[in-house]
C-alpha atoms as a PDB file:
ATOM      1  CA  MET A   1       0.348 -12.316 -11.086  1.00  0.00           C
ATOM      2  CA  ASN A   2       2.370 -13.291  -8.030  1.00  0.00           C
ATOM      3  CA  ASN A   3       1.557 -14.695  -4.619  1.00  0.00           C
ATOM      4  CA  SER A   4       2.425 -12.115  -1.985  1.00  0.00           C
ATOM      5  CA  ILE A   5       4.034 -12.209   1.453  1.00  0.00           C
ATOM      6  CA  ILE A   6       2.412  -8.836   2.189  1.00  0.00           C
ATOM      7  CA  SER A   7       0.268  -9.537   5.248  1.00  0.00           C
ATOM      8  CA  TRP A   8      -2.846  -7.693   4.073  1.00  0.00           C
ATOM      9  CA  THR A   9      -3.209  -9.127   0.561  1.00  0.00           C
ATOM     10  CA  LYS A  10      -2.987 -12.444  -1.302  1.00  0.00           C
ATOM     11  CA  HIS A  11      -1.664 -11.602  -4.762  1.00  0.00           C
ATOM     12  CA  THR A  12       0.066  -8.716  -6.522  1.00  0.00           C
ATOM     13  CA  TRP A  13      -0.903  -7.654 -10.045  1.00  0.00           C
ATOM     14  CA  ASN A  14       1.334  -5.264 -11.968  1.00  0.00           C
ATOM     15  CA  PRO A  15      -0.045  -4.182 -15.353  1.00  0.00           C
ATOM     16  CA  VAL A  16       2.223  -1.155 -14.870  1.00  0.00           C
ATOM     17  CA  HIS A  17       5.808  -1.176 -13.595  1.00  0.00           C
ATOM     18  CA  GLY A  18       7.744   1.793 -12.284  1.00  0.00           C
ATOM     19  CA  CYS A  19       6.990   5.121 -10.632  1.00  0.00           C
ATOM     20  CA  SER A  20       8.581   8.408  -9.507  1.00  0.00           C
ATOM     21  CA  HIS A  21       9.102   9.946  -6.072  1.00  0.00           C
ATOM     22  CA  VAL A  22       6.477  12.381  -4.824  1.00  0.00           C
ATOM     23  CA  SER A  23       7.029  12.632  -1.042  1.00  0.00           C
ATOM     24  CA  ASP A  24       9.129  11.628   1.966  1.00  0.00           C
ATOM     25  CA  GLY A  25       7.670   8.110   2.032  1.00  0.00           C
ATOM     26  CA  CYS A  26       9.316   7.388  -1.334  1.00  0.00           C
ATOM     27  CA  LYS A  27      12.875   7.964  -0.109  1.00  0.00           C
ATOM     28  CA  HIS A  28      13.669   4.259   0.457  1.00  0.00           C
ATOM     29  CA  CYS A  29      11.057   2.763  -1.888  1.00  0.00           C
ATOM     30  CA  TYR A  30      11.161  -1.057  -1.790  1.00  0.00           C
ATOM     31  CA  ALA A  31       9.747  -1.306  -5.316  1.00  0.00           C
ATOM     32  CA  GLU A  32      12.483   0.917  -6.723  1.00  0.00           C
ATOM     33  CA  LYS A  33      15.186  -1.173  -5.057  1.00  0.00           C
ATOM     34  CA  ILE A  34      13.761  -4.422  -6.422  1.00  0.00           C
ATOM     35  CA  SER A  35      13.282  -2.987  -9.901  1.00  0.00           C
ATOM     36  CA  ILE A  36      16.821  -1.659 -10.228  1.00  0.00           C
ATOM     37  CA  LYS A  37      18.398  -4.709  -8.571  1.00  0.00           C
ATOM     38  CA  TYR A  38      16.804  -7.088 -11.077  1.00  0.00           C
ATOM     39  CA  GLY A  39      17.174  -4.808 -14.088  1.00  0.00           C
ATOM     40  CA  PHE A  40      13.493  -4.030 -14.712  1.00  0.00           C
ATOM     41  CA  THR A  41      14.402  -0.346 -14.691  1.00  0.00           C
ATOM     42  CA  LYS A  42      17.863   1.152 -15.022  1.00  0.00           C
ATOM     43  CA  LYS A  43      17.649   4.589 -13.438  1.00  0.00           C
ATOM     44  CA  PRO A  44      16.587   5.966 -10.024  1.00  0.00           C
ATOM     45  CA  TRP A  45      12.875   6.657  -9.757  1.00  0.00           C
ATOM     46  CA  THR A  46      13.159  10.438  -9.888  1.00  0.00           C
ATOM     47  CA  LYS A  47      10.784  12.806 -11.658  1.00  0.00           C
ATOM     48  CA  GLN A  48      13.454  13.387 -14.298  1.00  0.00           C
ATOM     49  CA  ASN A  49      13.679   9.651 -15.105  1.00  0.00           C
ATOM     50  CA  GLU A  50       9.984   8.787 -15.017  1.00  0.00           C
ATOM     51  CA  ILE A  51       9.622   8.669 -18.804  1.00  0.00           C
ATOM     52  CA  ASN A  52      12.081   5.749 -18.794  1.00  0.00           C
ATOM     53  CA  ASN A  53      10.800   4.054 -15.659  1.00  0.00           C
ATOM     54  CA  VAL A  54       7.000   4.010 -15.948  1.00  0.00           C
ATOM     55  CA  LEU A  55       6.338   1.025 -18.195  1.00  0.00           C
ATOM     56  CA  LEU A  56       3.008  -0.390 -19.341  1.00  0.00           C
ATOM     57  CA  LYS A  57       2.724  -4.196 -19.236  1.00  0.00           C
ATOM     58  CA  PRO A  58      -0.319  -5.055 -21.396  1.00  0.00           C
ATOM     59  CA  HIS A  59       0.595  -8.759 -21.436  1.00  0.00           C
ATOM     60  CA  LYS A  60      -0.255  -8.802 -17.726  1.00  0.00           C
ATOM     61  CA  LEU A  61      -3.703  -7.266 -18.038  1.00  0.00           C
ATOM     62  CA  ARG A  62      -5.685 -10.515 -18.044  1.00  0.00           C
ATOM     63  CA  GLU A  63      -3.780 -12.257 -15.255  1.00  0.00           C
ATOM     64  CA  PRO A  64      -6.614 -11.946 -12.672  1.00  0.00           C
ATOM     65  CA  TYR A  65      -8.818 -14.127 -14.865  1.00  0.00           C
ATOM     66  CA  LYS A  66      -6.524 -17.057 -14.090  1.00  0.00           C
ATOM     67  CA  LEU A  67      -7.361 -17.077 -10.384  1.00  0.00           C
ATOM     68  CA  LYS A  68      -9.794 -19.828  -9.444  1.00  0.00           C
ATOM     69  CA  GLU A  69     -10.777 -18.609  -5.971  1.00  0.00           C
ATOM     70  CA  PRO A  70     -11.926 -15.192  -4.732  1.00  0.00           C
ATOM     71  CA  SER A  71      -8.806 -13.303  -3.675  1.00  0.00           C
ATOM     72  CA  PHE A  72      -7.448 -10.027  -2.390  1.00  0.00           C
ATOM     73  CA  ILE A  73      -5.287  -8.494  -5.115  1.00  0.00           C
ATOM     74  CA  PHE A  74      -2.897  -5.578  -4.585  1.00  0.00           C
ATOM     75  CA  VAL A  75      -2.985  -3.571  -7.829  1.00  0.00           C
ATOM     76  CA  ASN A  76       0.360  -2.173  -8.993  1.00  0.00           C
ATOM     77  CA  SER A  77       2.519  -3.029  -6.013  1.00  0.00           C
ATOM     78  CA  MET A  78       5.422  -1.899  -8.222  1.00  0.00           C
ATOM     79  CA  SER A  79       3.847   1.339  -9.413  1.00  0.00           C
ATOM     80  CA  ASP A  80       0.986   3.781  -8.806  1.00  0.00           C
ATOM     81  CA  LEU A  81      -2.193   3.309 -10.832  1.00  0.00           C
ATOM     82  CA  PHE A  82      -2.783   7.067 -10.813  1.00  0.00           C
ATOM     83  CA  HIS A  83       0.663   8.081 -11.996  1.00  0.00           C
ATOM     84  CA  GLU A  84       0.498  10.930 -14.497  1.00  0.00           C
ATOM     85  CA  LEU A  85       2.202   8.954 -17.279  1.00  0.00           C
ATOM     86  CA  ILE A  86      -0.364   6.142 -17.355  1.00  0.00           C
ATOM     87  CA  PRO A  87      -2.761   6.909 -20.233  1.00  0.00           C
ATOM     88  CA  ASN A  88      -6.428   7.125 -19.290  1.00  0.00           C
ATOM     89  CA  ASP A  89      -7.331   4.571 -21.962  1.00  0.00           C
ATOM     90  CA  TYR A  90      -4.949   2.059 -20.407  1.00  0.00           C
ATOM     91  CA  ARG A  91      -6.249   2.830 -16.906  1.00  0.00           C
ATOM     92  CA  LYS A  92      -9.766   2.189 -18.203  1.00  0.00           C
ATOM     93  CA  GLN A  93      -8.694  -1.261 -19.379  1.00  0.00           C
ATOM     94  CA  ILE A  94      -7.490  -2.048 -15.865  1.00  0.00           C
ATOM     95  CA  PHE A  95     -10.759  -0.814 -14.365  1.00  0.00           C
ATOM     96  CA  ASP A  96     -12.781  -2.800 -16.902  1.00  0.00           C
ATOM     97  CA  ILE A  97     -11.084  -5.969 -15.706  1.00  0.00           C
ATOM     98  CA  MET A  98     -11.635  -5.146 -12.027  1.00  0.00           C
ATOM     99  CA  ASN A  99     -15.294  -4.337 -12.720  1.00  0.00           C
ATOM    100  CA  ASP A 100     -15.645  -7.600 -14.607  1.00  0.00           C
ATOM    101  CA  LEU A 101     -14.374  -9.747 -11.707  1.00  0.00           C
ATOM    102  CA  PRO A 102     -16.606  -8.986  -8.696  1.00  0.00           C
ATOM    103  CA  GLN A 103     -15.463 -12.149  -6.895  1.00  0.00           C
ATOM    104  CA  HIS A 104     -12.058 -10.553  -6.277  1.00  0.00           C
ATOM    105  CA  THR A 105     -11.176  -7.586  -4.067  1.00  0.00           C
ATOM    106  CA  PHE A 106      -8.791  -5.192  -5.810  1.00  0.00           C
ATOM    107  CA  GLN A 107      -6.707  -3.038  -3.473  1.00  0.00           C
ATOM    108  CA  ILE A 108      -5.366   0.166  -5.025  1.00  0.00           C
ATOM    109  CA  LEU A 109      -2.894   2.364  -3.167  1.00  0.00           C
ATOM    110  CA  THR A 110      -1.806   5.802  -4.349  1.00  0.00           C
ATOM    111  CA  LYS A 111       0.170   8.849  -3.299  1.00  0.00           C
ATOM    112  CA  ARG A 112      -1.705  10.813  -5.974  1.00  0.00           C
ATOM    113  CA  PRO A 113      -5.246  10.987  -4.537  1.00  0.00           C
ATOM    114  CA  LYS A 114      -6.318  14.047  -6.503  1.00  0.00           C
ATOM    115  CA  ALA A 115      -6.058  11.993  -9.685  1.00  0.00           C
ATOM    116  CA  ALA A 116      -8.147   9.235  -8.086  1.00  0.00           C
ATOM    117  CA  THR A 117     -10.772  11.765  -7.014  1.00  0.00           C
ATOM    118  CA  LYS A 118     -11.088  13.030 -10.572  1.00  0.00           C
ATOM    119  CA  TRP A 119     -11.427   9.507 -11.949  1.00  0.00           C
ATOM    120  CA  ASN A 120     -15.123   9.278 -12.871  1.00  0.00           C
ATOM    121  CA  TYR A 121     -15.083   5.817 -14.389  1.00  0.00           C
ATOM    122  CA  LYS A 122     -17.115   2.949 -12.911  1.00  0.00           C
ATOM    123  CA  TRP A 123     -16.048   1.894  -9.389  1.00  0.00           C
ATOM    124  CA  SER A 124     -17.583  -1.481  -8.591  1.00  0.00           C
ATOM    125  CA  ASP A 125     -17.847  -2.347  -4.899  1.00  0.00           C
ATOM    126  CA  ASN A 126     -14.908  -4.779  -5.083  1.00  0.00           C
ATOM    127  CA  ILE A 127     -12.458  -1.963  -5.894  1.00  0.00           C
ATOM    128  CA  TRP A 128     -10.913  -0.617  -2.699  1.00  0.00           C
ATOM    129  CA  MET A 129      -9.173   2.750  -2.939  1.00  0.00           C
ATOM    130  CA  GLY A 130      -6.368   3.613  -0.536  1.00  0.00           C
ATOM    131  CA  VAL A 131      -3.823   6.362   0.075  1.00  0.00           C
ATOM    132  CA  SER A 132      -0.363   6.276   1.642  1.00  0.00           C
ATOM    133  CA  VAL A 133       0.177   8.673   4.547  1.00  0.00           C
ATOM    134  CA  GLU A 134       3.638   8.798   6.099  1.00  0.00           C
ATOM    135  CA  ASN A 135       3.713  12.125   7.974  1.00  0.00           C
ATOM    136  CA  LYS A 136       1.673  15.211   8.825  1.00  0.00           C
ATOM    137  CA  LYS A 137       2.555  16.803   5.507  1.00  0.00           C
ATOM    138  CA  SER A 138       0.710  14.020   3.650  1.00  0.00           C
ATOM    139  CA  LEU A 139      -2.450  14.000   5.820  1.00  0.00           C
ATOM    140  CA  TYR A 140      -4.261  15.992   3.115  1.00  0.00           C
ATOM    141  CA  ARG A 141      -4.464  12.746   1.124  1.00  0.00           C
ATOM    142  CA  ILE A 142      -7.120  11.445   3.510  1.00  0.00           C
ATOM    143  CA  ASP A 143      -9.405  14.383   2.707  1.00  0.00           C
ATOM    144  CA  GLU A 144      -8.881  13.774  -0.999  1.00  0.00           C
ATOM    145  CA  LEU A 145      -9.623  10.069  -0.538  1.00  0.00           C
ATOM    146  CA  ARG A 146     -13.006  10.852   1.007  1.00  0.00           C
ATOM    147  CA  LYS A 147     -14.010  12.553  -2.262  1.00  0.00           C
ATOM    148  CA  CYS A 148     -13.294   9.397  -4.267  1.00  0.00           C
ATOM    149  CA  ASN A 149     -16.161   7.312  -5.697  1.00  0.00           C
ATOM    150  CA  ALA A 150     -14.884   4.016  -4.296  1.00  0.00           C
ATOM    151  CA  LYS A 151     -17.204   2.388  -1.747  1.00  0.00           C
ATOM    152  CA  THR A 152     -14.357   1.099   0.447  1.00  0.00           C
ATOM    153  CA  LYS A 153     -11.663   3.582   1.385  1.00  0.00           C
ATOM    154  CA  TRP A 154      -8.469   2.699   3.236  1.00  0.00           C
ATOM    155  CA  ILE A 155      -5.219   4.201   4.457  1.00  0.00           C
ATOM    156  CA  SER A 156      -1.695   2.808   4.604  1.00  0.00           C
ATOM    157  CA  PHE A 157       0.294   4.641   7.286  1.00  0.00           C
ATOM    158  CA  GLU A 158       3.495   3.080   5.995  1.00  0.00           C
ATOM    159  CA  PRO A 159       6.247   3.959   6.410  1.00  0.00           C
ATOM    160  CA  LEU A 160       5.012   5.852   9.466  1.00  0.00           C
ATOM    161  CA  LEU A 161       7.677   8.519   9.991  1.00  0.00           C
ATOM    162  CA  GLU A 162       6.283  10.618  12.825  1.00  0.00           C
ATOM    163  CA  SER A 163       3.422  11.061  15.257  1.00  0.00           C
ATOM    164  CA  LEU A 164       0.361  12.238  13.340  1.00  0.00           C
ATOM    165  CA  GLY A 165      -1.658  13.499  16.301  1.00  0.00           C
ATOM    166  CA  LYS A 166      -5.403  13.828  15.809  1.00  0.00           C
ATOM    167  CA  ILE A 167      -6.583  12.280  12.529  1.00  0.00           C
ATOM    168  CA  ASN A 168      -9.987  12.574  10.870  1.00  0.00           C
ATOM    169  CA  LEU A 169     -10.909   8.997   9.943  1.00  0.00           C
ATOM    170  CA  THR A 170     -14.508   9.722   8.992  1.00  0.00           C
ATOM    171  CA  ASN A 171     -15.736   7.362   6.229  1.00  0.00           C
ATOM    172  CA  ILE A 172     -12.496   5.361   6.307  1.00  0.00           C
ATOM    173  CA  ASN A 173     -13.075   1.592   6.362  1.00  0.00           C
ATOM    174  CA  TRP A 174      -9.636   0.029   6.728  1.00  0.00           C
ATOM    175  CA  VAL A 175      -6.275   1.137   8.107  1.00  0.00           C
ATOM    176  CA  ILE A 176      -2.761  -0.321   7.893  1.00  0.00           C
ATOM    177  CA  VAL A 177       0.132   0.864  10.047  1.00  0.00           C
ATOM    178  CA  GLY A 178       3.711  -0.188   9.401  1.00  0.00           C
ATOM    179  CA  ASP A 179       7.323   0.892   9.564  1.00  0.00           C
ATOM    180  CA  GLU A 180       9.944   1.206   6.854  1.00  0.00           C
ATOM    181  CA  SER A 181      11.816  -1.783   5.454  1.00  0.00           C
ATOM    182  CA  GLY A 182      15.385  -2.041   4.220  1.00  0.00           C
ATOM    183  CA  GLN A 183      18.820  -1.505   5.720  1.00  0.00           C
ATOM    184  CA  ARG A 184      18.468   2.286   5.922  1.00  0.00           C
ATOM    185  CA  PHE A 185      15.026   2.238   7.508  1.00  0.00           C
ATOM    186  CA  ARG A 186      13.818   5.193   9.552  1.00  0.00           C
ATOM    187  CA  LYS A 187      12.698   3.987  12.949  1.00  0.00           C
ATOM    188  CA  MET A 188       9.014   3.997  13.842  1.00  0.00           C
ATOM    189  CA  ASP A 189       8.034   4.548  17.466  1.00  0.00           C
ATOM    190  CA  HIS A 190       5.276   2.061  18.320  1.00  0.00           C
ATOM    191  CA  ALA A 191       3.587   4.853  20.286  1.00  0.00           C
ATOM    192  CA  TRP A 192       2.806   6.506  16.946  1.00  0.00           C
ATOM    193  CA  ALA A 193       1.000   3.347  15.808  1.00  0.00           C
ATOM    194  CA  ARG A 194      -0.923   3.126  19.082  1.00  0.00           C
ATOM    195  CA  GLU A 195      -2.110   6.720  18.579  1.00  0.00           C
ATOM    196  CA  ILE A 196      -3.714   5.626  15.320  1.00  0.00           C
ATOM    197  CA  ARG A 197      -5.090   2.433  16.852  1.00  0.00           C
ATOM    198  CA  ASP A 198      -6.777   4.390  19.625  1.00  0.00           C
ATOM    199  CA  GLN A 199      -8.546   6.606  17.083  1.00  0.00           C
ATOM    200  CA  ALA A 200      -9.662   3.754  14.835  1.00  0.00           C
ATOM    201  CA  ASN A 201     -12.917   2.945  16.706  1.00  0.00           C
ATOM    202  CA  ASN A 202     -14.814   0.511  14.440  1.00  0.00           C
ATOM    203  CA  ILE A 203     -12.245   0.539  11.657  1.00  0.00           C
ATOM    204  CA  ILE A 204     -10.403  -2.718  10.929  1.00  0.00           C
ATOM    205  CA  LEU A 205      -6.744  -2.020  11.629  1.00  0.00           C
ATOM    206  CA  HIS A 206      -3.641  -4.056  10.810  1.00  0.00           C
ATOM    207  CA  SER A 207      -0.257  -3.085  12.178  1.00  0.00           C
ATOM    208  CA  PHE A 208       3.101  -4.729  11.586  1.00  0.00           C
ATOM    209  CA  SER A 209       6.826  -4.258  11.831  1.00  0.00           C
ATOM    210  CA  ASN A 210       8.937  -4.972   8.768  1.00  0.00           C
ATOM    211  CA  LYS A 211      12.189  -5.348  10.626  1.00  0.00           C
ATOM    212  CA  VAL A 212      13.958  -8.666  10.928  1.00  0.00           C
ATOM    213  CA  LEU A 213      14.280  -9.438  14.633  1.00  0.00           C
ATOM    214  CA  HIS A 214      17.854 -10.627  14.982  1.00  0.00           C
ATOM    215  CA  SER A 215      17.745 -11.892  18.559  1.00  0.00           C
ATOM    216  CA  LEU A 216      15.437 -13.149  21.284  1.00  0.00           C
ATOM    217  CA  GLN A 217      16.060  -9.902  23.132  1.00  0.00           C
ATOM    218  CA  ASN A 218      14.507  -7.974  20.265  1.00  0.00           C
ATOM    219  CA  VAL A 219      11.516 -10.301  20.221  1.00  0.00           C
ATOM    220  CA  VAL A 220      10.943  -9.826  23.951  1.00  0.00           C
ATOM    221  CA  HIS A 221      11.258  -6.064  23.543  1.00  0.00           C
ATOM    222  CA  ALA A 222       8.692  -6.099  20.740  1.00  0.00           C
ATOM    223  CA  LEU A 223       6.314  -8.264  22.764  1.00  0.00           C
ATOM    224  CA  LYS A 224       6.422  -5.716  25.560  1.00  0.00           C
ATOM    225  CA  LYS A 225       5.647  -2.913  23.128  1.00  0.00           C
ATOM    226  CA  LEU A 226       2.700  -4.468  21.252  1.00  0.00           C
ATOM    227  CA  THR A 227      -0.467  -5.535  23.001  1.00  0.00           C
ATOM    228  CA  VAL A 228      -2.349  -7.839  20.649  1.00  0.00           C
ATOM    229  CA  LEU A 229       0.363  -9.709  18.809  1.00  0.00           C
ATOM    230  CA  LYS A 230       1.055 -12.745  16.668  1.00  0.00           C
ATOM    231  CA  LEU A 231       4.515 -13.594  15.428  1.00  0.00           C
ATOM    232  CA  TYR A 232       4.788 -15.085  11.957  1.00  0.00           C
ATOM    233  CA  GLY A 233       7.951 -16.381  10.310  1.00  0.00           C
ATOM    234  CA  ILE A 234       6.862 -15.745   6.731  1.00  0.00           C
ATOM    235  CA  LYS A 235      10.191 -15.893   4.951  1.00  0.00           C
ATOM    236  CA  CYS A 236      12.230 -12.722   5.459  1.00  0.00           C
ATOM    237  CA  PRO A 237      11.512 -10.247   6.922  1.00  0.00           C
ATOM    238  CA  ILE A 238       9.657 -11.572   9.942  1.00  0.00           C
ATOM    239  CA  LYS A 239       6.471  -9.628  10.465  1.00  0.00           C
ATOM    240  CA  LEU A 240       4.788  -8.581  13.663  1.00  0.00           C
ATOM    241  CA  ILE A 241       1.068  -8.345  13.048  1.00  0.00           C
ATOM    242  CA  PHE A 242      -1.710  -7.377  15.382  1.00  0.00           C
ATOM    243  CA  PRO A 243      -5.172  -7.192  13.805  1.00  0.00           C
ATOM    244  CA  LEU A 244      -7.548  -5.143  15.939  1.00  0.00           C
ATOM    245  CA  PHE A 245     -11.311  -5.465  15.594  1.00  0.00           C
ATOM    246  CA  ARG A 246     -12.775  -2.676  17.710  1.00  0.00           C
END
């Protein structure tokens, strides 16, 4: 269990490590870079290598019990809880722990929503289910998410790679919008984020930029682009965050 600099959570919990690419949003995966850099996995996170890269970490299962205060916990920030190689029995153990700790909010994020929809185990109200949506091609994940048994459903539009146009956000409770991190990031137009903001209505929306702002000129430019803005220097990268309660 680690403290997190991710703006929308408090801790990360990784009872599974490793994943495999499924869509355009995986191209510059931050988790893959970290894993290979520090030797947790040895090979690129391709479909062909997934048998070597998706690793169960049972010694980490009980880590949430150590937390003394109610917390937001991002589940498997270094993997995908609904990856095909995670055995159902092991996934049940993870759900048993989340169901047993109602004081915490467990945030799950997947690019495999059909597997989440088919998961008919107990979903206590403190388990939030989310999907990643990076482009129009992946919008179908929102429809799959709506079929899921989780009470709270959320979307991470990160990395946002193009304008998504009209989006059906019916029965969606929480939305995150962000751009891509890393040296080879694909640029996000802030107009794309504002399109989502303007459709959010009563949804709680967080939006941020992952880029390090190298000069005052960049900061001024960003301030002109974003309307409701707070600038935080939380280590590196600097994040631009504007929570909207509409």
